[in-house]
Amino acid sequence: MQNFFRIQRLPPYVFSQVQDLKIQARQRGEDIIDFGMGNPDQATPPHIVEKLVEAAGKGKNHRYSASRGITRLRHAISAWYGRHYNVDIDPETEAIVTLGVKEGLSHLVLAMLGPGDVVLTPTPTYPIHMY
């Protein structure tokens, strides 16, 4: 099998290590309060699940969204920031939808930085942020 340069540089995934430690602690009978990945500890409310099922049944939703994200979603995000933080965000030029913070920050940095640029990252961090 070919060894890939970037894959060889990846450190162990911190959440896998934390998961292993949690399993070991639970096996020892320790009570764990998990502040790890931010996974919900409650079921998704039924009305949200129903809307997702409804949306999944519509053929028009079986396509890729626009690369910047669904227009109505970008407008809703911009309005939310306006209500909660009293800032104006232009949904056409200042809002984008990503799969999550890891993807969003990684793509932002890849788009903005050039050869020789230096970035400070916190530790622990997501492995992708080390690139």
Protein backbone atom coordinates (compact mmCIF):
# COMPACT_ATOMS: atom_id res chain seq x y z
CA MET A 1 0.00 0.00 0.00
CA GLN A 2 1.23 3.48 -0.86
CA ASN A 3 2.16 5.76 2.03
CA PHE A 4 0.72 9.22 1.56
CA PHE A 5 2.70 12.21 2.79
CA ARG A 6 -0.16 14.10 4.46
CA ILE A 7 -1.64 11.01 6.08
CA GLN A 8 1.74 10.16 7.59
CA ARG A 9 1.84 13.63 9.14
CA LEU A 10 -1.53 13.28 10.86
CA PRO A 11 -1.27 12.92 14.63
CA PRO A 12 -3.56 10.49 16.45
CA TYR A 13 -7.14 11.76 16.38
CA VAL A 14 -7.71 13.30 19.80
CA PHE A 15 -11.37 12.29 20.01
CA SER A 16 -10.48 8.63 19.37
CA GLN A 17 -7.96 8.81 22.18
CA VAL A 18 -10.49 10.46 24.49
CA GLN A 19 -13.09 7.83 23.57
CA ASP A 20 -10.66 5.04 24.49
CA LEU A 21 -9.95 6.71 27.84
CA LYS A 22 -13.69 7.09 28.55
CA ILE A 23 -14.31 3.42 27.78
CA GLN A 24 -11.49 2.38 30.10
CA ALA A 25 -12.77 4.65 32.88
CA ARG A 26 -16.34 3.34 32.54
CA GLN A 27 -15.04 -0.24 32.65
CA ARG A 28 -13.41 0.65 35.98
CA GLY A 29 -16.81 1.87 37.19
CA GLU A 30 -15.98 5.57 37.11
CA ASP A 31 -18.80 8.06 36.55
CA ILE A 32 -18.04 10.10 33.42
CA ILE A 33 -19.36 13.54 32.56
CA ASP A 34 -18.61 13.77 28.85
CA PHE A 35 -17.70 17.22 27.51
CA GLY A 36 -16.04 15.69 24.44
CA MET A 37 -17.39 16.12 20.94
CA GLY A 38 -20.54 18.02 21.79
CA ASN A 39 -22.86 15.20 20.77
CA PRO A 40 -26.45 15.73 21.91
CA ASP A 41 -27.50 13.86 25.02
CA GLN A 42 -31.19 14.01 24.13
CA ALA A 43 -33.21 12.79 21.18
CA THR A 44 -33.97 15.20 18.37
CA PRO A 45 -37.43 16.71 18.96
CA PRO A 46 -40.12 14.82 17.00
CA HIS A 47 -41.27 17.88 15.00
CA ILE A 48 -37.73 18.27 13.61
CA VAL A 49 -37.49 14.59 12.70
CA GLU A 50 -40.87 14.82 10.96
CA LYS A 51 -39.72 17.80 8.88
CA LEU A 52 -36.50 15.97 7.94
CA VAL A 53 -38.50 12.93 6.83
CA GLU A 54 -40.83 15.18 4.85
CA ALA A 55 -37.90 16.97 3.18
CA ALA A 56 -36.14 13.68 2.39
CA GLY A 57 -39.25 12.51 0.54
CA LYS A 58 -39.18 15.43 -1.89
CA GLY A 59 -37.26 14.74 -5.09
CA LYS A 60 -36.19 18.36 -5.44
CA ASN A 61 -34.05 17.86 -2.31
CA HIS A 62 -32.11 14.97 -3.87
CA ARG A 63 -29.61 17.33 -5.47
CA TYR A 64 -26.50 19.14 -4.36
CA SER A 65 -27.08 22.53 -2.83
CA ALA A 66 -25.35 25.65 -4.10
CA SER A 67 -21.69 25.74 -3.18
CA ARG A 68 -22.22 28.59 -0.72
CA GLY A 69 -25.23 26.85 0.80
CA ILE A 70 -28.96 27.22 0.40
CA THR A 71 -29.87 30.89 -0.04
CA ARG A 72 -32.70 30.85 2.53
CA LEU A 73 -30.39 29.19 5.06
CA ARG A 74 -27.69 31.85 4.56
CA HIS A 75 -30.31 34.56 5.05
CA ALA A 76 -31.57 32.85 8.22
CA ILE A 77 -28.01 32.56 9.57
CA SER A 78 -27.37 36.25 8.87
CA ALA A 79 -30.63 37.23 10.61
CA TRP A 80 -29.76 35.04 13.62
CA TYR A 81 -26.40 36.79 14.03
CA GLY A 82 -28.17 40.13 13.77
CA ARG A 83 -30.65 39.22 16.52
CA HIS A 84 -28.14 37.57 18.86
CA TYR A 85 -25.00 39.66 18.34
CA ASN A 86 -26.32 42.90 16.80
CA VAL A 87 -24.09 42.54 13.73
CA ASP A 88 -24.99 42.86 10.07
CA ILE A 89 -23.82 39.96 7.92
CA ASP A 90 -24.49 40.08 4.19
CA PRO A 91 -25.88 36.64 3.32
CA GLU A 92 -24.64 36.98 -0.25
CA THR A 93 -21.01 37.84 0.50
CA GLU A 94 -20.34 37.10 4.19
CA ALA A 95 -22.21 33.87 4.96
CA ILE A 96 -21.42 30.35 3.80
CA VAL A 97 -22.75 26.97 4.88
CA THR A 98 -20.28 24.21 5.72
CA LEU A 99 -20.57 20.70 7.12
CA GLY A 100 -19.11 21.88 10.42
CA VAL A 101 -16.49 23.98 12.11
CA LYS A 102 -13.61 21.66 11.19
CA GLU A 103 -14.39 21.87 7.51
CA GLY A 104 -15.18 25.58 7.60
CA LEU A 105 -12.02 26.66 9.40
CA SER A 106 -9.83 24.33 7.35
CA HIS A 107 -11.16 25.64 4.05
CA LEU A 108 -10.91 29.23 5.26
CA VAL A 109 -7.25 28.80 6.14
CA LEU A 110 -6.47 26.93 2.91
CA ALA A 111 -8.10 29.73 0.93
CA MET A 112 -6.37 32.59 2.74
CA LEU A 113 -2.84 31.39 3.41
CA GLY A 114 0.08 31.17 1.05
CA PRO A 115 3.54 29.62 1.08
CA GLY A 116 5.57 30.80 4.06
CA ASP A 117 2.57 32.06 6.06
CA VAL A 118 2.49 31.04 9.71
CA VAL A 119 -0.60 30.21 11.77
CA LEU A 120 -0.93 29.80 15.52
CA THR A 121 -3.27 26.99 16.50
CA PRO A 122 -4.47 25.98 19.94
CA THR A 123 -3.68 22.65 21.45
CA PRO A 124 -5.48 20.35 21.48
CA THR A 125 -6.72 21.04 17.99
CA TYR A 126 -8.29 19.12 15.16
CA PRO A 127 -5.64 17.26 13.12
CA ILE A 128 -6.71 19.01 9.91
CA HIS A 129 -5.80 22.37 11.46
CA MET A 130 -2.14 21.37 11.59
CA TYR A 131 -1.90 21.74 7.80
